[in-house]
Amino acid sequence: MGQYLTRAKFGYYKTWSSDTGYNLANEFTGTFTGLFPKLVLTFKRLNSDEVKALAPIFDSIVQSVSYDDPVKGKYTMQTHTGDWEIEYARMKKGQPFTVSFIANKPRS
């Protein structure tokens, strides 16, 4: 997949449970559930054959993603993808697009 990428953005998102918020004393309280890595990959302009090759990965329920984590080093995680779409700007097919790969479990 790397040959199709133009950019990779790494994020680490703190996730809190539904009991989280500010109490009457205006103090933040809640249950921290974990730090979830997220990769946002930007793909170059692809032709229809390249999209057909990648679509099964984007459409699958779970993906296994390996990357170089700045804290953990080489790291492999199970992910799910966000919605993906391809834009036709000025009716030119296959404009660059992004897909998010979000960890299914917190980074350990």
C-alpha atoms as a PDB file:
ATOM      1  CA  MET A   1       0.000   0.000   0.000  1.00  0.00           C
ATOM      2  CA  GLY A   2       2.954   2.319   0.622  1.00  0.00           C
ATOM      3  CA  GLN A   3       3.470   2.993  -3.070  1.00  0.00           C
ATOM      4  CA  TYR A   4       0.073   4.750  -3.169  1.00  0.00           C
ATOM      5  CA  LEU A   5       0.650   7.065  -0.184  1.00  0.00           C
ATOM      6  CA  THR A   6       1.608  10.725  -0.256  1.00  0.00           C
ATOM      7  CA  ARG A   7       1.232  11.434   3.481  1.00  0.00           C
ATOM      8  CA  ALA A   8       0.728   9.649   6.790  1.00  0.00           C
ATOM      9  CA  LYS A   9      -0.485  11.486   9.883  1.00  0.00           C
ATOM     10  CA  PHE A  10      -0.253   9.831  13.305  1.00  0.00           C
ATOM     11  CA  GLY A  11      -2.523  10.782  16.199  1.00  0.00           C
ATOM     12  CA  TYR A  12      -3.031   9.470  19.712  1.00  0.00           C
ATOM     13  CA  TYR A  13      -6.521  10.087  21.056  1.00  0.00           C
ATOM     14  CA  LYS A  14      -7.553   9.941  24.686  1.00  0.00           C
ATOM     15  CA  THR A  15     -10.900   8.216  25.039  1.00  0.00           C
ATOM     16  CA  TRP A  16     -13.142   8.625  28.066  1.00  0.00           C
ATOM     17  CA  SER A  17     -16.234   6.705  29.196  1.00  0.00           C
ATOM     18  CA  SER A  18     -19.753   8.120  29.250  1.00  0.00           C
ATOM     19  CA  ASP A  19     -19.405   9.160  32.936  1.00  0.00           C
ATOM     20  CA  THR A  20     -16.929  11.879  31.925  1.00  0.00           C
ATOM     21  CA  GLY A  21     -17.579  15.590  32.186  1.00  0.00           C
ATOM     22  CA  TYR A  22     -17.539  18.530  34.556  1.00  0.00           C
ATOM     23  CA  ASN A  23     -19.220  18.235  37.953  1.00  0.00           C
ATOM     24  CA  LEU A  24     -21.018  21.012  39.867  1.00  0.00           C
ATOM     25  CA  ALA A  25     -17.668  22.220  41.244  1.00  0.00           C
ATOM     26  CA  ASN A  26     -16.533  22.690  37.615  1.00  0.00           C
ATOM     27  CA  GLU A  27     -13.943  19.926  37.988  1.00  0.00           C
ATOM     28  CA  PHE A  28     -13.259  17.478  35.179  1.00  0.00           C
ATOM     29  CA  THR A  29     -13.981  13.898  36.257  1.00  0.00           C
ATOM     30  CA  GLY A  30     -14.485  10.592  34.527  1.00  0.00           C
ATOM     31  CA  THR A  31     -13.032   7.253  33.596  1.00  0.00           C
ATOM     32  CA  PHE A  32     -10.144   7.190  31.168  1.00  0.00           C
ATOM     33  CA  THR A  33     -10.516   4.198  28.833  1.00  0.00           C
ATOM     34  CA  GLY A  34      -7.276   4.456  26.901  1.00  0.00           C
ATOM     35  CA  LEU A  35      -5.018   6.119  24.370  1.00  0.00           C
ATOM     36  CA  PHE A  36      -6.062   5.031  20.878  1.00  0.00           C
ATOM     37  CA  PRO A  37      -3.655   5.447  17.949  1.00  0.00           C
ATOM     38  CA  LYS A  38      -5.098   6.713  14.682  1.00  0.00           C
ATOM     39  CA  LEU A  39      -3.392   6.810  11.295  1.00  0.00           C
ATOM     40  CA  VAL A  40      -4.740   9.097   8.596  1.00  0.00           C
ATOM     41  CA  LEU A  41      -3.312   8.051   5.241  1.00  0.00           C
ATOM     42  CA  THR A  42      -3.461  10.267   2.171  1.00  0.00           C
ATOM     43  CA  PHE A  43      -3.466   8.435  -1.118  1.00  0.00           C
ATOM     44  CA  LYS A  44      -2.278   9.830  -4.432  1.00  0.00           C
ATOM     45  CA  ARG A  45      -4.542  10.062  -7.435  1.00  0.00           C
ATOM     46  CA  LEU A  46      -5.413   6.429  -8.249  1.00  0.00           C
ATOM     47  CA  ASN A  47      -6.708   4.819 -11.396  1.00  0.00           C
ATOM     48  CA  SER A  48      -9.700   2.475 -11.252  1.00  0.00           C
ATOM     49  CA  ASP A  49      -7.551  -0.680 -11.102  1.00  0.00           C
ATOM     50  CA  GLU A  50      -5.619   0.683  -8.111  1.00  0.00           C
ATOM     51  CA  VAL A  51      -8.862   1.608  -6.315  1.00  0.00           C
ATOM     52  CA  LYS A  52     -10.225  -1.882  -6.986  1.00  0.00           C
ATOM     53  CA  ALA A  53      -7.060  -3.361  -5.458  1.00  0.00           C
ATOM     54  CA  LEU A  54      -7.320  -1.236  -2.279  1.00  0.00           C
ATOM     55  CA  ALA A  55     -11.114  -1.259  -1.803  1.00  0.00           C
ATOM     56  CA  PRO A  56     -11.205  -4.700  -0.111  1.00  0.00           C
ATOM     57  CA  ILE A  57      -8.809  -3.390   2.559  1.00  0.00           C
ATOM     58  CA  PHE A  58     -10.903  -0.260   3.176  1.00  0.00           C
ATOM     59  CA  ASP A  59     -14.142  -2.239   3.160  1.00  0.00           C
ATOM     60  CA  SER A  60     -12.997  -4.997   5.523  1.00  0.00           C
ATOM     61  CA  ILE A  61     -14.209  -4.899   9.113  1.00  0.00           C
ATOM     62  CA  VAL A  62     -10.733  -5.288  10.656  1.00  0.00           C
ATOM     63  CA  GLN A  63      -7.256  -4.567   9.318  1.00  0.00           C
ATOM     64  CA  SER A  64      -3.836  -5.389  10.739  1.00  0.00           C
ATOM     65  CA  VAL A  65      -1.615  -2.305  10.489  1.00  0.00           C
ATOM     66  CA  SER A  66       2.114  -2.151  11.265  1.00  0.00           C
ATOM     67  CA  TYR A  67       3.922   1.164  11.579  1.00  0.00           C
ATOM     68  CA  ASP A  68       6.820   2.866  13.372  1.00  0.00           C
ATOM     69  CA  ASP A  69       5.329   4.318  16.556  1.00  0.00           C
ATOM     70  CA  PRO A  70       7.436   7.195  17.944  1.00  0.00           C
ATOM     71  CA  VAL A  71       7.058   5.826  21.497  1.00  0.00           C
ATOM     72  CA  LYS A  72       6.760   2.044  21.051  1.00  0.00           C
ATOM     73  CA  GLY A  73       8.915   1.533  17.938  1.00  0.00           C
ATOM     74  CA  LYS A  74       7.643  -1.068  15.460  1.00  0.00           C
ATOM     75  CA  TYR A  75       3.983  -1.518  16.403  1.00  0.00           C
ATOM     76  CA  THR A  76       1.194  -3.677  14.975  1.00  0.00           C
ATOM     77  CA  MET A  77      -2.439  -3.053  15.815  1.00  0.00           C
ATOM     78  CA  GLN A  78      -5.875  -4.195  14.751  1.00  0.00           C
ATOM     79  CA  THR A  79      -7.872  -1.314  13.263  1.00  0.00           C
ATOM     80  CA  HIS A  80     -11.149  -0.376  11.678  1.00  0.00           C
ATOM     81  CA  THR A  81     -11.382   2.246   8.960  1.00  0.00           C
ATOM     82  CA  GLY A  82     -13.509   5.328   8.805  1.00  0.00           C
ATOM     83  CA  ASP A  83     -15.714   6.004   5.814  1.00  0.00           C
ATOM     84  CA  TRP A  84     -13.846   6.516   2.570  1.00  0.00           C
ATOM     85  CA  GLU A  85     -14.783   8.445  -0.507  1.00  0.00           C
ATOM     86  CA  ILE A  86     -13.219   9.509  -3.769  1.00  0.00           C
ATOM     87  CA  GLU A  87     -13.794  13.000  -5.082  1.00  0.00           C
ATOM     88  CA  TYR A  88     -14.158  13.956  -8.726  1.00  0.00           C
ATOM     89  CA  ALA A  89     -13.008  17.582  -8.931  1.00  0.00           C
ATOM     90  CA  ARG A  90     -13.849  19.303 -12.206  1.00  0.00           C
ATOM     91  CA  MET A  91     -14.886  15.824 -13.378  1.00  0.00           C
ATOM     92  CA  LYS A  92     -11.309  14.583 -13.255  1.00  0.00           C
ATOM     93  CA  LYS A  93     -11.517  11.078 -11.880  1.00  0.00           C
ATOM     94  CA  GLY A  94      -9.502   9.819  -8.958  1.00  0.00           C
ATOM     95  CA  GLN A  95      -8.479  12.851  -6.925  1.00  0.00           C
ATOM     96  CA  PRO A  96      -6.230  12.267  -3.862  1.00  0.00           C
ATOM     97  CA  PHE A  97      -8.160  11.082  -0.785  1.00  0.00           C
ATOM     98  CA  THR A  98      -7.632  10.090   2.841  1.00  0.00           C
ATOM     99  CA  VAL A  99      -8.622   7.046   4.899  1.00  0.00           C
ATOM    100  CA  SER A 100      -8.415   6.834   8.703  1.00  0.00           C
ATOM    101  CA  PHE A 101      -7.257   3.617  10.390  1.00  0.00           C
ATOM    102  CA  ILE A 102      -8.370   3.717  14.046  1.00  0.00           C
ATOM    103  CA  ALA A 103      -7.071   1.265  16.657  1.00  0.00           C
ATOM    104  CA  ASN A 104      -9.622  -1.164  18.079  1.00  0.00           C
ATOM    105  CA  LYS A 105      -7.801  -1.293  21.438  1.00  0.00           C
ATOM    106  CA  PRO A 106      -5.782   1.262  23.401  1.00  0.00           C
ATOM    107  CA  ARG A 107      -2.035   1.369  22.870  1.00  0.00           C
ATOM    108  CA  SER A 108      -0.534  -0.812  25.598  1.00  0.00           C
END
